[in-house]
Amino acid sequence: MTPTPEHVKALRAVLEAILEAVAEAGPTGAPGGVIYAALMAQGCSLSQYQSLMDGLVSVRRLRRQGDLYFIVPVRASV
């Protein structure tokens, strides 16, 4: 199934909300269970949650340590 522009826009909004929530948690990190609970309340499955978080970790926007997620600082390009 090819995602529609509306699907892409919705996915981008979800990813930005996750990044914002993790950033607001600061140096103590954001518990994955809390993020999952918030997404689950909106209809997100465990598999979808894991895919979202794994994707953000793999592109180095987040770092995972145990059940905590941390923002990875964006480096300025030279």
N, C-alpha and C. Protein backbone atom coordinates (compact mmCIF):
# COMPACT_ATOMS: atom_id res chain seq x y z
N MET A 1 0.85 -1.18 0.00
CA MET A 1 0.00 0.00 0.00
C MET A 1 0.90 1.24 0.00
N THR A 2 0.66 2.10 -0.93
CA THR A 2 1.41 3.35 -1.02
C THR A 2 0.78 4.38 -0.10
N PRO A 3 1.59 5.00 0.76
CA PRO A 3 1.02 5.99 1.68
C PRO A 3 0.56 7.24 0.92
N THR A 4 -0.56 7.74 1.35
CA THR A 4 -1.09 8.98 0.76
C THR A 4 -0.40 10.17 1.41
N PRO A 5 -0.50 11.35 0.81
CA PRO A 5 0.07 12.54 1.46
C PRO A 5 -0.49 12.77 2.87
N GLU A 6 -1.74 12.40 3.08
CA GLU A 6 -2.35 12.55 4.41
C GLU A 6 -1.70 11.60 5.41
N HIS A 7 -1.40 10.37 4.97
CA HIS A 7 -0.73 9.41 5.84
C HIS A 7 0.67 9.89 6.21
N VAL A 8 1.38 10.41 5.23
CA VAL A 8 2.74 10.92 5.47
C VAL A 8 2.69 12.08 6.44
N LYS A 9 1.73 12.97 6.27
CA LYS A 9 1.59 14.13 7.16
C LYS A 9 1.28 13.67 8.59
N ALA A 10 0.40 12.68 8.73
CA ALA A 10 0.05 12.16 10.05
C ALA A 10 1.24 11.48 10.71
N LEU A 11 1.97 10.69 9.95
CA LEU A 11 3.15 10.01 10.49
C LEU A 11 4.19 11.02 10.94
N ARG A 12 4.41 12.04 10.14
CA ARG A 12 5.37 13.08 10.50
C ARG A 12 4.95 13.77 11.80
N ALA A 13 3.66 14.03 11.97
CA ALA A 13 3.16 14.67 13.19
C ALA A 13 3.40 13.77 14.41
N VAL A 14 3.18 12.47 14.24
CA VAL A 14 3.40 11.53 15.35
C VAL A 14 4.88 11.50 15.73
N LEU A 15 5.75 11.41 14.73
CA LEU A 15 7.19 11.38 14.99
C LEU A 15 7.66 12.67 15.66
N GLU A 16 7.17 13.81 15.20
CA GLU A 16 7.54 15.08 15.82
C GLU A 16 7.05 15.16 17.26
N ALA A 17 5.86 14.62 17.53
CA ALA A 17 5.33 14.61 18.90
C ALA A 17 6.18 13.74 19.81
N ILE A 18 6.63 12.59 19.29
CA ILE A 18 7.50 11.72 20.07
C ILE A 18 8.81 12.44 20.39
N LEU A 19 9.42 13.04 19.38
CA LEU A 19 10.68 13.76 19.58
C LEU A 19 10.51 14.91 20.58
N GLU A 20 9.41 15.61 20.49
CA GLU A 20 9.14 16.72 21.42
C GLU A 20 8.99 16.20 22.85
N ALA A 21 8.27 15.10 23.01
CA ALA A 21 8.07 14.54 24.35
C ALA A 21 9.40 14.07 24.95
N VAL A 22 10.23 13.43 24.14
CA VAL A 22 11.52 12.96 24.63
C VAL A 22 12.41 14.16 24.98
N ALA A 23 12.39 15.18 24.14
CA ALA A 23 13.19 16.38 24.42
C ALA A 23 12.76 17.03 25.72
N GLU A 24 11.46 17.09 25.97
CA GLU A 24 10.95 17.70 27.20
C GLU A 24 11.33 16.91 28.45
N ALA A 25 11.58 15.61 28.29
CA ALA A 25 11.99 14.79 29.43
C ALA A 25 13.39 15.17 29.90
N GLY A 26 14.17 15.75 29.00
CA GLY A 26 15.50 16.23 29.38
C GLY A 26 16.48 15.13 29.65
N PRO A 27 17.48 15.42 30.50
CA PRO A 27 18.57 14.47 30.72
C PRO A 27 18.18 13.20 31.47
N THR A 28 17.00 13.18 32.09
CA THR A 28 16.57 11.97 32.78
C THR A 28 16.00 10.94 31.80
N GLY A 29 15.68 11.36 30.59
CA GLY A 29 15.16 10.45 29.58
C GLY A 29 13.65 10.27 29.69
N ALA A 30 13.07 9.78 28.62
CA ALA A 30 11.63 9.54 28.56
C ALA A 30 11.38 8.03 28.61
N PRO A 31 10.58 7.56 29.57
CA PRO A 31 10.29 6.13 29.65
C PRO A 31 9.49 5.65 28.45
N GLY A 32 9.97 4.57 27.83
CA GLY A 32 9.28 4.02 26.67
C GLY A 32 7.85 3.61 26.98
N GLY A 33 7.62 3.11 28.18
CA GLY A 33 6.26 2.67 28.54
C GLY A 33 5.26 3.81 28.54
N VAL A 34 5.71 4.98 28.95
CA VAL A 34 4.82 6.15 28.96
C VAL A 34 4.51 6.58 27.54
N ILE A 35 5.54 6.57 26.69
CA ILE A 35 5.33 6.93 25.27
C ILE A 35 4.38 5.92 24.63
N TYR A 36 4.61 4.64 24.89
CA TYR A 36 3.74 3.62 24.33
C TYR A 36 2.30 3.78 24.81
N ALA A 37 2.12 4.05 26.09
CA ALA A 37 0.76 4.21 26.63
C ALA A 37 0.04 5.36 25.94
N ALA A 38 0.75 6.45 25.70
CA ALA A 38 0.13 7.60 25.03
C ALA A 38 -0.26 7.24 23.60
N LEU A 39 0.62 6.53 22.91
CA LEU A 39 0.32 6.13 21.53
C LEU A 39 -0.77 5.07 21.47
N MET A 40 -0.75 4.15 22.44
CA MET A 40 -1.75 3.09 22.48
C MET A 40 -3.15 3.70 22.67
N ALA A 41 -3.25 4.76 23.46
CA ALA A 41 -4.54 5.41 23.67
C ALA A 41 -5.09 6.00 22.38
N GLN A 42 -4.22 6.20 21.40
CA GLN A 42 -4.64 6.73 20.11
C GLN A 42 -4.77 5.64 19.05
N GLY A 43 -4.64 4.37 19.48
CA GLY A 43 -4.85 3.25 18.57
C GLY A 43 -3.59 2.62 18.02
N CYS A 44 -2.44 2.98 18.54
CA CYS A 44 -1.17 2.44 18.08
C CYS A 44 -0.93 1.07 18.71
N SER A 45 -0.56 0.10 17.88
CA SER A 45 -0.27 -1.25 18.40
C SER A 45 1.17 -1.29 18.92
N LEU A 46 1.49 -2.34 19.65
CA LEU A 46 2.85 -2.51 20.15
C LEU A 46 3.84 -2.61 18.99
N SER A 47 3.48 -3.34 17.97
CA SER A 47 4.35 -3.50 16.80
C SER A 47 4.60 -2.15 16.12
N GLN A 48 3.55 -1.35 15.99
CA GLN A 48 3.71 -0.01 15.38
C GLN A 48 4.60 0.87 16.24
N TYR A 49 4.39 0.83 17.55
CA TYR A 49 5.22 1.61 18.47
C TYR A 49 6.68 1.21 18.33
N GLN A 50 6.94 -0.09 18.34
CA GLN A 50 8.32 -0.56 18.22
C GLN A 50 8.94 -0.14 16.90
N SER A 51 8.18 -0.17 15.83
CA SER A 51 8.69 0.25 14.53
C SER A 51 9.02 1.74 14.52
N LEU A 52 8.15 2.55 15.11
CA LEU A 52 8.40 3.99 15.19
C LEU A 52 9.66 4.29 15.98
N MET A 53 9.77 3.69 17.15
CA MET A 53 10.91 3.96 18.02
C MET A 53 12.21 3.40 17.43
N ASP A 54 12.14 2.20 16.87
CA ASP A 54 13.33 1.62 16.23
C ASP A 54 13.79 2.49 15.06
N GLY A 55 12.83 3.02 14.32
CA GLY A 55 13.18 3.90 13.20
C GLY A 55 13.87 5.17 13.67
N LEU A 56 13.35 5.79 14.72
CA LEU A 56 13.97 7.01 15.25
C LEU A 56 15.35 6.74 15.82
N VAL A 57 15.55 5.56 16.40
CA VAL A 57 16.87 5.19 16.91
C VAL A 57 17.82 4.92 15.73
N SER A 58 17.34 4.23 14.71
CA SER A 58 18.21 3.86 13.59
C SER A 58 18.68 5.06 12.78
N VAL A 59 17.87 6.11 12.73
CA VAL A 59 18.30 7.33 12.01
C VAL A 59 18.97 8.33 12.96
N ARG A 60 19.25 7.87 14.17
CA ARG A 60 19.98 8.63 15.19
C ARG A 60 19.31 9.93 15.61
N ARG A 61 17.98 9.90 15.68
CA ARG A 61 17.25 11.03 16.28
C ARG A 61 17.05 10.78 17.76
N LEU A 62 16.99 9.47 18.15
CA LEU A 62 16.87 9.08 19.54
C LEU A 62 17.95 8.07 19.88
N ARG A 63 18.26 8.00 21.17
CA ARG A 63 19.16 6.98 21.71
C ARG A 63 18.38 6.25 22.79
N ARG A 64 18.50 4.94 22.81
CA ARG A 64 17.79 4.13 23.81
C ARG A 64 18.79 3.55 24.80
N GLN A 65 18.44 3.68 26.07
CA GLN A 65 19.23 3.08 27.14
C GLN A 65 18.25 2.39 28.07
N GLY A 66 18.21 1.07 28.01
CA GLY A 66 17.20 0.33 28.76
C GLY A 66 15.83 0.68 28.22
N ASP A 67 14.94 1.16 29.09
CA ASP A 67 13.60 1.57 28.66
C ASP A 67 13.51 3.09 28.48
N LEU A 68 14.62 3.79 28.57
CA LEU A 68 14.61 5.25 28.45
C LEU A 68 15.09 5.68 27.07
N TYR A 69 14.47 6.75 26.58
CA TYR A 69 14.86 7.34 25.30
C TYR A 69 15.39 8.75 25.54
N PHE A 70 16.42 9.08 24.77
CA PHE A 70 17.07 10.39 24.87
C PHE A 70 17.21 10.98 23.47
N ILE A 71 17.13 12.29 23.40
CA ILE A 71 17.36 12.99 22.13
C ILE A 71 18.84 12.91 21.78
N VAL A 72 19.12 12.68 20.52
CA VAL A 72 20.49 12.74 20.03
C VAL A 72 20.68 14.14 19.44
N PRO A 73 21.63 14.90 19.98
CA PRO A 73 21.83 16.26 19.46
C PRO A 73 22.16 16.23 17.96
N VAL A 74 21.58 17.17 17.23
CA VAL A 74 21.84 17.29 15.80
C VAL A 74 23.13 18.08 15.63
N ARG A 75 24.04 17.51 14.88
CA ARG A 75 25.32 18.17 14.64
C ARG A 75 25.21 19.09 13.45
N ALA A 76 25.76 20.27 13.57
CA ALA A 76 25.76 21.22 12.44
C ALA A 76 26.71 20.70 11.37
N SER A 77 26.27 20.77 10.11
CA SER A 77 27.15 20.34 9.03
C SER A 77 28.11 21.46 8.67
N VAL A 78 29.31 21.04 8.31
CA VAL A 78 30.36 22.02 8.01
C VAL A 78 30.55 22.12 6.52
